[in-house]
Amino acid sequence: MKKVWIGWSAVLFSLFLITGCGSLSQGSAENTDPAAPIVTGVSPSEAKVGEQIRVTGERFGTGQGNSSLIVGGAAATQIVSWSDTEILAVVPADASSGSVKVVIDGAESSPGFLAVLWSQENPENVAISAAASDQQSPQAVSDGIGGMIIAWMDIRSGTHFDLYAQRVNGSGAVQWTSDGVPISTAAGSQQHPQIISDGAGGAIITWQDGRDGNLDIYAQRINRDGVVQWAVDGIAVAAGGHSELSPQIVPDGAGGAILAWQDDRNGKIDVYAQRVDANGAVQWAAGGVAVSNAAANKIFFRLIPDGAGGAVLVWQDDRGGDWDLYAQRINRNGSVRWSAAGVAVSIAANTQGAPQLVSDGTGGAIVVWQDDRDGAWDVYAQRVNGSGIAAWTADGVIISNAANDQLAPRLVSDGAGGAIITWQDGSGQTVFDVRAQRVDGSGAAHWAAGGVVISSAPDIQGMPQLATDGAGGAIIAWQDLRSGRWDIYAQRVNGSGEAQWSIDGVAISTAPGDQKVPLLISDGAGGAAAVWEDARNGTDAVPSWDIYAQGISAAGKQ
């Protein structure tokens, strides 16, 4: 059977995406104060900024007076009417999806809930940057209040890639300078940004930097107002006169970050790590610490926080003659916690590659990868506990070994010690579809064998990304060729593996030109925001890549 391939280099490049997500309850414990106001309903349940909503309940008072209505974290200043049982108001500009509360004499009501939709929708979407030349490789993280901060590579200078960033709020309004604020415009190219929250509404960004003629690792912190906090053009994390490249980054839990990168100082490709504090000062040995002393090449690594100020890393490793997977835990002081060479995740025959991981909630990790031990690419997973011991079947449990190839797996926590995994799936067809599976903390699959179908629309669906929906399920987005051009679609699946939106997904962007390589961030209220590379402003002959984004609610509405 003929197989249609999405370029292997594109698979590897796109898998360097990293996701972040936040958490916001759609309700909280009911106020038991007998004199406090009570909210019993909000209608409509979804609205845009500037639209009118009706809040119903009890004990609001006969007029507003000094009372207030808080909608998604923002005070409503346009009150149409206020009675003891009903308030009509306009959704305020800074509102995000979240609770709706009435506050009277300092007493808060029980919360209602409103999903705040973005100002634009498909196919217009929200332009993050449409500056001259190309903007590519967007990375994003939650801003903690329903929006996100996005960083990307940008060649508007006409000579080399610089780094820019933008913040968009929970209603899809850009918050900083049009087309973004510069993170680094130093000489040479700044490429392959990665981004995490700084825990204070801003972000820490790292990248691969060529300003000195070598490839080095730099970083910068930007606050919630779009003001850089460290040295102009960033601080040097690793600049040793050799090649340091492909950085990854996770929070250290104290306002700083742990960074890791590939490093050829020893004549082979190793992985080194460094911690920087909230002020941008390096905390470990100059040049970083090696995560493994094995005499092997180590590539395609990933890391996550270990929940104790350190990190857990996984990588591809050729010490056995082919590509296997190994892992390491490093503590907040830069000391390795497991075997000095790393612990084996899978050493099965042939190649185990492109690993991804999420926390298991107890200091370890659940790892997923693509695996050709049987001559075709399948998807396997393994859990490594906080002591570095593989907890599931030796060399991993099968997630899908259906016919043809399963590639590019991604995963998020299911919130119960397991994970939801998605991948592009070639089983039984000549093109790729998107499937998903849920595994629990013991490695048992909970959905249909081979995974549930997320989309089997005509032609190719590939490069899936996912974010938690906060309710045991996930929202999955992918690039989709059903129209003959690359578009962005998404689907929500609940904890039982049941699709919640339209069959084969809802369109996030079907704008002219191609939309590719989506990244998905939870909005903390059951929905998500997607960001992607977009060629709508170019032509087939001369494509011009920009950055666009779109929010989608828990109900699949824009």
Protein backbone atom coordinates (compact mmCIF):
# COMPACT_ATOMS: atom_id res chain seq x y z
CA MET A 1 0.00 0.00 0.00
CA LYS A 2 1.35 3.41 -0.94
CA LYS A 3 2.08 5.73 1.96
CA VAL A 4 2.08 9.51 1.81
CA TRP A 5 4.80 10.96 4.02
CA ILE A 6 4.98 14.26 5.78
CA GLY A 7 8.67 15.17 5.53
CA TRP A 8 10.79 13.51 8.22
CA SER A 9 12.69 16.73 8.82
CA ALA A 10 9.37 18.49 9.40
CA VAL A 11 8.38 15.79 11.88
CA LEU A 12 11.60 16.24 13.86
CA PHE A 13 11.52 20.04 13.73
CA SER A 14 7.87 20.25 14.77
CA LEU A 15 8.37 17.86 17.64
CA PHE A 16 10.68 20.45 19.21
CA LEU A 17 7.51 22.35 20.10
CA ILE A 18 6.82 22.63 23.77
CA THR A 19 3.55 23.34 25.37
CA GLY A 20 2.34 24.95 28.45
CA CYS A 21 -0.94 25.23 30.10
CA GLY A 22 -2.74 26.79 33.00
CA SER A 23 -5.64 25.89 35.24
CA LEU A 24 -8.78 27.82 36.10
CA SER A 25 -11.80 26.27 37.76
CA GLN A 26 -15.22 26.82 36.18
CA GLY A 27 -16.65 27.21 39.66
CA SER A 28 -15.63 27.14 43.28
CA ALA A 29 -17.07 26.20 46.62
CA GLU A 30 -20.48 27.83 47.16
CA ASN A 31 -20.48 30.85 49.47
CA THR A 32 -22.21 29.78 52.69
CA ASP A 33 -22.68 33.32 54.05
CA PRO A 34 -26.51 33.63 54.28
CA ALA A 35 -26.31 37.34 53.43
CA ALA A 36 -24.02 36.95 50.44
CA PRO A 37 -25.39 37.30 46.91
CA ILE A 38 -26.00 34.16 44.85
CA VAL A 39 -25.44 33.80 41.10
CA THR A 40 -27.66 31.11 39.58
CA GLY A 41 -27.08 31.68 35.88
CA VAL A 42 -25.21 33.58 33.15
CA SER A 43 -26.64 33.87 29.65
CA PRO A 44 -25.52 33.51 27.03
CA SER A 45 -22.88 31.09 28.27
CA GLU A 46 -20.42 32.34 25.63
CA ALA A 47 -19.91 35.95 24.57
CA LYS A 48 -17.34 38.35 23.13
CA VAL A 49 -16.02 41.54 24.68
CA GLY A 50 -18.58 44.30 24.14
CA GLU A 51 -21.56 41.95 24.04
CA GLN A 52 -24.30 41.99 26.66
CA ILE A 53 -24.83 39.25 29.24
CA ARG A 54 -27.58 38.59 31.78
CA VAL A 55 -26.60 37.49 35.29
CA THR A 56 -29.44 36.05 37.36
CA GLY A 57 -29.58 35.18 41.03
CA GLU A 58 -30.57 36.56 44.43
CA ARG A 59 -29.65 39.34 46.85
CA PHE A 60 -27.97 41.65 44.32
CA GLY A 61 -29.65 44.74 45.83
CA THR A 62 -32.09 47.10 44.17
CA GLY A 63 -29.32 49.12 42.55
CA GLN A 64 -25.60 48.86 41.93
CA GLY A 65 -24.43 51.47 44.43
CA ASN A 66 -20.90 50.49 45.49
CA SER A 67 -21.38 46.89 44.40
CA SER A 68 -19.49 45.37 41.46
CA LEU A 69 -19.78 42.66 38.85
CA ILE A 70 -16.57 40.76 38.08
CA VAL A 71 -16.53 38.96 34.72
CA GLY A 72 -13.59 36.67 34.02
CA GLY A 73 -11.30 38.63 36.33
CA ALA A 74 -12.30 42.09 35.08
CA ALA A 75 -14.77 44.58 36.58
CA ALA A 76 -17.76 45.29 34.34
CA THR A 77 -17.98 49.08 33.96
CA GLN A 78 -20.94 49.18 31.57
CA ILE A 79 -23.96 48.16 33.64
CA VAL A 80 -27.19 48.32 31.64
CA SER A 81 -29.49 47.51 34.56
CA TRP A 82 -29.23 46.18 38.12
CA SER A 83 -31.98 44.65 40.21
CA ASP A 84 -32.13 42.30 43.16
CA THR A 85 -32.38 39.25 40.88
CA GLU A 86 -30.88 40.31 37.55
CA ILE A 87 -27.95 42.29 36.18
CA LEU A 88 -27.51 43.23 32.53
CA ALA A 89 -23.95 44.20 31.68
CA VAL A 90 -21.44 44.47 28.84
CA VAL A 91 -18.47 42.07 28.85
CA PRO A 92 -15.42 44.21 29.79
CA ALA A 93 -12.33 44.52 27.61
CA ASP A 94 -9.95 42.60 29.89
CA ALA A 95 -12.27 39.66 30.60
CA SER A 96 -11.13 36.07 30.07
CA SER A 97 -13.12 32.87 30.27
CA GLY A 98 -13.84 32.21 33.91
CA SER A 99 -16.02 32.99 36.90
CA VAL A 100 -18.73 35.64 37.06
CA LYS A 101 -19.24 37.07 40.55
CA VAL A 102 -21.27 39.79 42.21
CA VAL A 103 -19.49 41.58 45.08
CA ILE A 104 -21.59 43.48 47.65
CA ASP A 105 -19.93 45.13 50.65
CA GLY A 106 -16.94 42.86 50.19
CA ALA A 107 -19.05 39.68 50.12
CA GLU A 108 -18.58 37.61 46.95
CA SER A 109 -21.38 35.61 45.42
CA SER A 110 -21.21 32.00 44.40
CA PRO A 111 -19.66 31.98 40.91
CA GLY A 112 -21.31 31.68 37.55
CA PHE A 113 -19.26 31.01 34.44
CA LEU A 114 -18.78 32.74 31.10
CA ALA A 115 -16.66 31.60 28.17
CA VAL A 116 -15.20 34.75 26.63
CA LEU A 117 -14.79 34.25 22.88
CA TRP A 118 -11.99 35.88 20.91
CA SER A 119 -12.61 39.10 19.01
CA GLN A 120 -11.87 37.43 15.67
CA GLU A 121 -12.79 34.00 14.33
CA ASN A 122 -12.07 31.75 11.38
CA PRO A 123 -11.03 32.63 8.72
CA GLU A 124 -9.88 36.10 9.89
CA ASN A 125 -8.16 34.92 13.10
CA VAL A 126 -5.86 37.18 15.13
CA ALA A 127 -2.62 38.46 13.61
CA ILE A 128 0.20 38.12 16.15
CA SER A 129 2.78 39.42 13.71
CA ALA A 130 2.51 40.19 10.02
CA ALA A 131 5.74 42.21 9.80
CA ALA A 132 7.92 42.28 6.69
CA SER A 133 9.54 39.04 5.50
CA ASP A 134 9.00 35.85 7.50
CA GLN A 135 7.92 35.11 11.06
CA GLN A 136 8.29 31.42 11.92
CA SER A 137 8.52 28.79 14.65
CA PRO A 138 6.08 30.24 17.18
CA GLN A 139 6.27 28.97 20.74
CA ALA A 140 3.77 29.92 23.43
CA VAL A 141 2.98 29.69 27.12
CA SER A 142 -0.02 30.67 29.23
CA ASP A 143 0.09 34.12 30.82
CA GLY A 144 -1.80 32.67 33.79
CA ILE A 145 -4.99 34.69 33.25
CA GLY A 146 -6.48 33.11 30.13
CA GLY A 147 -4.14 34.56 27.52
CA MET A 148 -0.71 33.58 26.24
CA ILE A 149 2.76 34.92 25.48
CA ILE A 150 4.19 33.95 22.09
CA ALA A 151 7.81 34.06 20.89
CA TRP A 152 9.04 33.48 17.34
CA MET A 153 11.92 33.76 14.86
CA ASP A 154 11.67 36.91 12.74
CA ILE A 155 13.61 38.03 9.67
CA ARG A 156 12.04 41.49 9.27
CA SER A 157 15.62 42.87 9.37
CA GLY A 158 16.17 41.32 5.95
CA THR A 159 19.55 39.88 6.93
CA HIS A 160 19.14 37.37 9.78
CA PHE A 161 16.67 35.92 12.24
CA ASP A 162 15.93 37.88 15.40
CA LEU A 163 13.51 37.01 18.19
CA TYR A 164 10.25 38.82 18.94
CA ALA A 165 7.39 38.22 21.35
CA GLN A 166 3.77 39.24 21.84
CA ARG A 167 1.13 38.77 24.50
CA VAL A 168 -2.52 38.17 23.63
CA ASN A 169 -5.18 38.31 26.34
CA GLY A 170 -8.07 35.96 27.00
CA SER A 171 -10.32 37.69 24.49
CA GLY A 172 -7.74 37.64 21.69
CA ALA A 173 -6.53 41.24 21.94
CA VAL A 174 -2.79 41.80 21.47
CA GLN A 175 -1.30 43.60 24.47
CA TRP A 176 2.14 44.77 23.41
CA THR A 177 3.59 46.75 20.49
CA SER A 178 2.07 45.88 17.11
CA ASP A 179 3.96 42.97 15.49
CA GLY A 180 5.75 42.23 18.75
CA VAL A 181 8.54 43.47 21.00
CA PRO A 182 12.19 42.52 20.32
CA ILE A 183 13.69 39.87 22.58
CA SER A 184 17.05 39.85 20.81
CA THR A 185 18.22 41.67 17.68
CA ALA A 186 21.90 40.91 18.17
CA ALA A 187 24.28 40.18 15.29
CA GLY A 188 24.02 36.78 13.66
CA SER A 189 20.86 34.74 13.87
CA GLN A 190 18.78 33.96 16.94
CA GLN A 191 16.78 30.78 16.28
CA HIS A 192 14.65 28.01 17.74
CA PRO A 193 13.08 29.85 20.70
CA GLN A 194 11.55 28.00 23.64
CA ILE A 195 9.43 29.68 26.30
CA ILE A 196 8.10 29.11 29.83
CA SER A 197 6.11 31.14 32.33
CA ASP A 198 8.12 33.11 34.90
CA GLY A 199 5.32 32.53 37.42
CA ALA A 200 4.53 36.27 37.58
CA GLY A 201 2.60 36.84 34.35
CA GLY A 202 5.68 37.13 32.17
CA ALA A 203 7.97 34.61 30.49
CA ILE A 204 11.53 33.35 30.19
CA ILE A 205 12.69 32.66 26.64
CA THR A 206 15.77 30.76 25.49
CA TRP A 207 17.25 30.32 22.03
CA GLN A 208 20.19 29.25 19.89
CA ASP A 209 22.37 32.31 19.14
CA GLY A 210 25.01 32.97 16.45
CA ARG A 211 26.18 36.46 17.42
CA ASP A 212 29.78 35.35 18.13
CA GLY A 213 30.21 33.10 15.11
CA ASN A 214 29.50 29.97 17.14
CA LEU A 215 26.16 28.56 18.20
CA ASP A 216 25.58 29.51 21.84
CA ILE A 217 22.63 29.46 24.25
CA TYR A 218 21.08 32.74 25.43
CA ALA A 219 18.02 33.62 27.48
CA GLN A 220 15.84 36.62 28.32
CA ARG A 221 13.02 37.36 30.74
CA ILE A 222 10.09 39.58 29.75
CA ASN A 223 7.43 40.82 32.16
CA ARG A 224 3.67 40.89 31.67
CA ASP A 225 3.89 44.43 30.23
CA GLY A 226 6.36 43.45 27.51
CA VAL A 227 9.48 44.90 29.13
CA VAL A 228 12.67 42.80 29.02
CA GLN A 229 14.17 42.24 32.48
CA TRP A 230 17.70 41.03 31.83
CA ALA A 231 20.60 42.38 29.76
CA VAL A 232 19.77 43.85 26.34
CA ASP A 233 19.68 41.01 23.78
CA GLY A 234 19.78 38.40 26.56
CA ILE A 235 22.22 36.69 28.90
CA ALA A 236 24.70 34.02 27.84
CA VAL A 237 23.79 30.68 29.42
CA ALA A 238 26.39 28.65 27.51
CA ALA A 239 28.98 30.26 25.24
CA GLY A 240 32.00 27.98 25.28
CA GLY A 241 33.54 28.44 21.84
CA HIS A 242 31.98 25.27 20.44
CA SER A 243 28.46 24.39 19.31
CA GLU A 244 25.64 24.59 21.82
CA LEU A 245 22.27 24.27 20.15
CA SER A 246 18.60 23.24 20.31
CA PRO A 247 17.81 24.49 23.84
CA GLN A 248 14.86 23.34 25.92
CA ILE A 249 13.60 25.01 29.12
CA VAL A 250 11.40 24.30 32.15
CA PRO A 251 10.53 26.34 35.27
CA ASP A 252 12.60 25.75 38.41
CA GLY A 253 9.63 26.55 40.66
CA ALA A 254 11.32 29.66 42.09
CA GLY A 255 10.90 32.20 39.28
CA GLY A 256 13.91 30.95 37.34
CA ALA A 257 14.51 28.14 34.88
CA ILE A 258 16.45 24.99 34.08
CA LEU A 259 17.78 24.91 30.53
CA ALA A 260 19.34 22.05 28.58
CA TRP A 261 21.01 21.89 25.17
CA GLN A 262 23.04 19.73 22.80
CA ASP A 263 26.78 20.30 23.15
CA ASP A 264 29.78 19.02 21.14
CA ARG A 265 32.61 20.10 23.48
CA ASN A 266 33.75 16.48 23.96
CA GLY A 267 33.86 15.50 20.29
CA LYS A 268 30.42 13.92 20.39
CA ILE A 269 26.92 15.22 20.97
CA ASP A 270 26.16 15.46 24.69
CA VAL A 271 23.37 17.08 26.66
CA TYR A 272 24.30 19.75 29.21
CA ALA A 273 22.08 21.70 31.61
CA GLN A 274 22.17 24.95 33.57
CA ARG A 275 19.89 26.72 36.03
CA VAL A 276 19.31 30.48 36.01
CA ASP A 277 17.53 32.37 38.77
CA ALA A 278 14.83 35.01 38.39
CA ASN A 279 17.50 37.68 37.93
CA GLY A 280 19.27 35.82 35.14
CA ALA A 281 22.25 34.63 37.21
CA VAL A 282 23.56 31.14 36.43
CA GLN A 283 23.42 28.82 39.45
CA TRP A 284 25.47 25.78 38.45
CA ALA A 285 29.02 25.28 37.17
CA ALA A 286 30.10 27.61 34.38
CA GLY A 287 29.29 25.98 31.05
CA GLY A 288 26.65 23.74 32.61
CA VAL A 289 26.61 20.17 33.90
CA ALA A 290 26.50 16.97 31.83
CA VAL A 291 23.35 14.92 32.34
CA SER A 292 25.07 11.64 31.38
CA ASN A 293 28.69 10.43 31.36
CA ALA A 294 28.00 7.70 28.80
CA ALA A 295 30.36 7.62 25.79
CA ALA A 296 27.54 8.06 23.32
CA ASN A 297 25.83 10.64 21.16
CA LYS A 298 22.71 12.04 22.81
CA ILE A 299 20.16 13.81 20.65
CA PHE A 300 16.50 14.80 20.58
CA PHE A 301 16.20 15.37 24.32
CA ARG A 302 13.23 16.69 26.28
CA LEU A 303 12.80 17.72 29.90
CA ILE A 304 10.05 18.46 32.43
CA PRO A 305 10.09 19.83 35.99
CA ASP A 306 10.41 17.12 38.65
CA GLY A 307 8.21 19.04 41.10
CA ALA A 308 11.10 19.60 43.53
CA GLY A 309 13.08 22.34 41.77
CA GLY A 310 14.91 19.94 39.45
CA ALA A 311 14.11 18.26 36.15
CA VAL A 312 13.68 14.91 34.44
CA LEU A 313 15.23 14.50 30.98
CA VAL A 314 14.91 11.88 28.24
CA TRP A 315 16.99 11.54 25.07
CA GLN A 316 17.94 9.33 22.13
CA ASP A 317 21.26 7.57 22.74
CA ASP A 318 23.47 5.44 20.44
CA ARG A 319 25.61 3.64 23.07
CA GLY A 320 24.07 0.31 22.05
CA GLY A 321 24.80 0.69 18.33
CA ASP A 322 21.36 1.99 17.39
CA TRP A 323 19.11 4.68 18.84
CA ASP A 324 17.66 3.85 22.25
CA LEU A 325 16.08 6.00 24.95
CA TYR A 326 17.64 6.95 28.27
CA ALA A 327 16.56 9.27 31.08
CA GLN A 328 18.07 11.24 33.96
CA ARG A 329 16.85 13.27 36.92
CA ILE A 330 18.84 16.31 38.00
CA ASN A 331 18.16 18.14 41.26
CA ARG A 332 17.93 21.86 41.97
CA ASN A 333 21.64 21.96 42.79
CA GLY A 334 22.72 20.46 39.47
CA SER A 335 23.49 16.94 40.74
CA VAL A 336 22.27 13.88 38.85
CA ARG A 337 19.95 11.70 40.92
CA TRP A 338 19.93 8.48 38.93
CA SER A 339 22.76 6.43 37.39
CA ALA A 340 25.56 8.69 36.15
CA ALA A 341 25.08 7.33 32.64
CA GLY A 342 21.30 7.63 32.78
CA VAL A 343 18.67 4.90 33.09
CA ALA A 344 17.29 2.91 30.16
CA VAL A 345 13.75 3.74 29.08
CA SER A 346 13.79 1.44 26.07
CA ILE A 347 16.68 -0.49 24.49
CA ALA A 348 14.60 -2.53 22.05
CA ALA A 349 15.88 -3.37 18.56
CA ASN A 350 16.28 -0.68 15.90
CA THR A 351 15.32 2.93 16.63
CA GLN A 352 13.37 4.43 19.47
CA GLY A 353 13.10 8.12 18.69
CA ALA A 354 11.42 11.50 19.05
CA PRO A 355 10.58 11.08 22.76
CA GLN A 356 8.11 13.30 24.60
CA LEU A 357 7.29 13.23 28.30
CA VAL A 358 4.96 14.51 31.01
CA SER A 359 5.17 14.34 34.77
CA ASP A 360 3.69 11.30 36.51
CA GLY A 361 2.96 13.54 39.50
CA THR A 362 5.44 11.77 41.81
CA GLY A 363 8.84 12.96 40.59
CA GLY A 364 9.00 10.65 37.59
CA ALA A 365 7.70 10.80 34.04
CA ILE A 366 5.58 9.11 31.41
CA VAL A 367 7.52 8.94 28.14
CA VAL A 368 6.09 8.30 24.67
CA TRP A 369 8.04 7.75 21.45
CA GLN A 370 7.95 6.40 17.90
CA ASP A 371 9.55 2.97 17.56
CA ASP A 372 10.54 0.79 14.59
CA ARG A 373 11.56 -2.37 16.47
CA ASP A 374 9.25 -4.38 14.20
CA GLY A 375 10.21 -2.71 10.91
CA ALA A 376 7.49 -0.04 10.85
CA TRP A 377 6.96 2.98 13.06
CA ASP A 378 4.73 2.31 16.05
CA VAL A 379 4.01 4.23 19.25
CA TYR A 380 5.22 2.98 22.65
CA ALA A 381 5.24 4.43 26.15
CA GLN A 382 6.98 3.85 29.47
CA ARG A 383 6.75 5.27 32.97
CA VAL A 384 9.96 5.98 34.90
CA ASN A 385 9.29 6.58 38.58
CA GLY A 386 10.96 9.17 40.79
CA SER A 387 13.77 6.73 41.63
CA GLY A 388 14.62 6.09 37.97
CA ILE A 389 12.99 2.67 37.74
CA ALA A 390 10.97 1.71 34.66
CA ALA A 391 7.54 0.87 36.05
CA TRP A 392 5.80 -0.70 33.05
CA THR A 393 6.63 -3.57 30.68
CA ALA A 394 10.33 -3.74 29.79
CA ASP A 395 11.08 -1.53 26.77
CA GLY A 396 7.60 0.01 26.91
CA VAL A 397 3.93 -0.75 26.42
CA ILE A 398 2.34 -0.65 22.98
CA ILE A 399 0.14 2.38 22.39
CA SER A 400 -0.42 1.54 18.73
CA ASN A 401 1.24 -1.02 16.45
CA ALA A 402 -1.40 -0.89 13.74
CA ALA A 403 -0.53 -1.37 10.06
CA ASN A 404 1.77 1.13 8.35
CA ASP A 405 3.32 3.95 10.36
CA GLN A 406 2.33 5.83 13.50
CA LEU A 407 4.45 8.96 13.95
CA ALA A 408 4.94 12.19 15.89
CA PRO A 409 3.37 11.22 19.24
CA ARG A 410 2.52 13.91 21.77
CA LEU A 411 0.99 13.65 25.25
CA VAL A 412 -0.51 15.53 28.18
CA SER A 413 -1.35 14.44 31.69
CA ASP A 414 -4.88 13.12 32.20
CA GLY A 415 -4.87 14.63 35.70
CA ALA A 416 -5.10 11.20 37.33
CA GLY A 417 -1.54 9.87 37.07
CA GLY A 418 -1.87 8.75 33.46
CA ALA A 419 -1.68 10.46 30.08
CA ILE A 420 -3.56 11.15 26.87
CA ILE A 421 -1.43 10.47 23.80
CA THR A 422 -2.06 11.53 20.21
CA TRP A 423 -0.20 10.77 16.97
CA GLN A 424 -0.49 10.84 13.18
CA ASP A 425 -1.66 7.43 12.10
CA GLY A 426 -1.23 5.64 8.76
CA SER A 427 -3.13 2.46 9.64
CA GLY A 428 -5.36 1.08 6.92
CA GLN A 429 -5.08 4.07 4.61
CA THR A 430 -2.75 5.72 2.12
CA VAL A 431 -2.61 8.94 4.12
CA PHE A 432 -2.24 9.94 7.75
CA ASP A 433 -5.12 10.50 10.14
CA VAL A 434 -5.06 11.53 13.80
CA ARG A 435 -5.76 9.09 16.65
CA ALA A 436 -5.48 9.18 20.42
CA GLN A 437 -5.25 6.84 23.41
CA ARG A 438 -5.43 7.21 27.18
CA VAL A 439 -3.20 5.19 29.51
CA ASP A 440 -3.46 5.08 33.28
CA GLY A 441 -0.64 5.16 35.83
CA SER A 442 -0.07 1.41 35.45
CA GLY A 443 0.25 1.58 31.65
CA ALA A 444 -3.18 0.12 30.84
CA ALA A 445 -4.96 1.57 27.80
CA HIS A 446 -8.50 2.83 28.45
CA TRP A 447 -9.78 3.55 24.96
CA ALA A 448 -10.22 1.39 21.85
CA ALA A 449 -7.28 -0.80 20.77
CA GLY A 450 -5.15 1.18 18.36
CA GLY A 451 -6.64 4.44 19.63
CA VAL A 452 -9.80 6.40 18.94
CA VAL A 453 -10.13 8.30 15.67
CA ILE A 454 -9.82 12.05 16.15
CA SER A 455 -10.03 12.81 12.44
CA SER A 456 -10.12 10.61 9.35
CA ALA A 457 -11.09 13.36 6.90
CA PRO A 458 -9.85 13.08 3.30
CA ASP A 459 -6.13 13.44 2.61
CA ILE A 460 -3.56 14.13 5.36
CA GLN A 461 -4.06 15.14 8.97
CA GLY A 462 -0.70 15.46 10.70
CA MET A 463 1.53 17.05 13.33
CA PRO A 464 -1.04 16.83 16.13
CA GLN A 465 -0.59 18.88 19.28
CA LEU A 466 -2.74 18.74 22.39
CA ALA A 467 -3.61 20.55 25.60
CA THR A 468 -5.56 19.44 28.64
CA ASP A 469 -9.21 20.45 28.91
CA GLY A 470 -8.96 20.41 32.70
CA ALA A 471 -11.65 17.74 32.99
CA GLY A 472 -9.75 14.53 32.23
CA GLY A 473 -9.85 14.98 28.48
CA ALA A 474 -7.89 16.97 25.90
CA ILE A 475 -8.15 19.33 22.97
CA ILE A 476 -6.14 18.20 19.95
CA ALA A 477 -5.16 20.41 16.99
CA TRP A 478 -3.45 19.43 13.73
CA GLN A 479 -2.58 20.62 10.24
CA ASP A 480 -5.08 19.32 7.70
CA LEU A 481 -4.98 18.91 3.90
CA ARG A 482 -8.64 18.03 3.29
CA SER A 483 -9.18 21.26 1.28
CA GLY A 484 -6.06 20.80 -0.83
CA ARG A 485 -4.24 23.45 1.24
CA TRP A 486 -2.93 23.13 4.77
CA ASP A 487 -5.49 24.34 7.30
CA ILE A 488 -5.79 24.03 11.08
CA TYR A 489 -8.50 21.87 12.70
CA ALA A 490 -9.18 20.79 16.27
CA GLN A 491 -11.22 18.29 18.27
CA ARG A 492 -12.00 17.86 21.95
CA VAL A 493 -12.08 14.35 23.40
CA ASN A 494 -13.38 13.58 26.87
CA GLY A 495 -11.88 11.25 29.47
CA SER A 496 -13.76 8.32 27.94
CA GLY A 497 -12.36 8.90 24.47
CA GLU A 498 -15.54 10.40 23.03
CA ALA A 499 -15.28 13.26 20.54
CA GLN A 500 -17.12 16.33 21.80
CA TRP A 501 -17.19 18.50 18.68
CA SER A 502 -18.07 17.96 14.99
CA ILE A 503 -16.96 14.73 13.34
CA ASP A 504 -13.41 15.14 12.00
CA GLY A 505 -12.96 18.36 13.96
CA VAL A 506 -13.83 22.04 13.76
CA ALA A 507 -11.95 24.49 11.57
CA ILE A 508 -9.62 26.80 13.46
CA SER A 509 -8.26 28.46 10.32
CA THR A 510 -9.16 27.91 6.67
CA ALA A 511 -7.68 31.22 5.50
CA PRO A 512 -6.09 31.50 2.03
CA GLY A 513 -2.63 30.00 1.67
CA ASP A 514 -1.23 27.44 4.09
CA GLN A 515 -1.57 27.31 7.87
CA LYS A 516 0.91 24.87 9.38
CA VAL A 517 2.49 23.45 12.54
CA PRO A 518 -0.07 24.46 15.17
CA LEU A 519 0.80 24.78 18.84
CA LEU A 520 -1.96 24.53 21.44
CA ILE A 521 -2.18 26.20 24.88
CA SER A 522 -4.93 25.55 27.43
CA ASP A 523 -6.94 28.64 28.36
CA GLY A 524 -7.47 27.22 31.85
CA ALA A 525 -11.25 27.21 31.41
CA GLY A 526 -11.84 24.08 29.31
CA GLY A 527 -10.90 25.70 26.01
CA ALA A 528 -7.62 26.45 24.27
CA ALA A 529 -5.73 28.87 22.03
CA ALA A 530 -3.83 27.78 18.94
CA VAL A 531 -0.92 29.60 17.28
CA TRP A 532 0.66 28.70 13.95
CA GLU A 533 2.72 29.73 10.91
CA ASP A 534 0.45 31.32 8.28
CA ALA A 535 1.06 32.10 4.59
CA ARG A 536 -2.20 33.96 3.84
CA ASN A 537 -0.34 37.17 3.03
CA GLY A 538 1.99 35.61 0.47
CA THR A 539 1.63 33.76 -2.81
CA ASP A 540 2.45 30.24 -3.94
CA ALA A 541 5.40 31.63 -5.86
CA VAL A 542 6.60 33.87 -3.02
CA PRO A 543 5.25 32.60 0.30
CA SER A 544 5.37 35.00 3.23
CA TRP A 545 5.04 33.43 6.66
CA ASP A 546 3.36 35.28 9.51
CA ILE A 547 2.10 34.29 12.96
CA TYR A 548 -1.65 33.98 13.63
CA ALA A 549 -3.66 32.67 16.57
CA GLN A 550 -7.19 31.69 17.51
CA GLY A 551 -9.04 30.82 20.68
CA ILE A 552 -11.70 28.14 20.92
CA SER A 553 -14.06 27.48 23.82
CA ALA A 554 -14.75 24.22 25.63
CA ALA A 555 -17.85 23.89 23.44
CA GLY A 556 -15.81 24.23 20.24
CA LYS A 557 -16.96 27.78 19.47
CA GLN A 558 -14.87 30.73 18.31
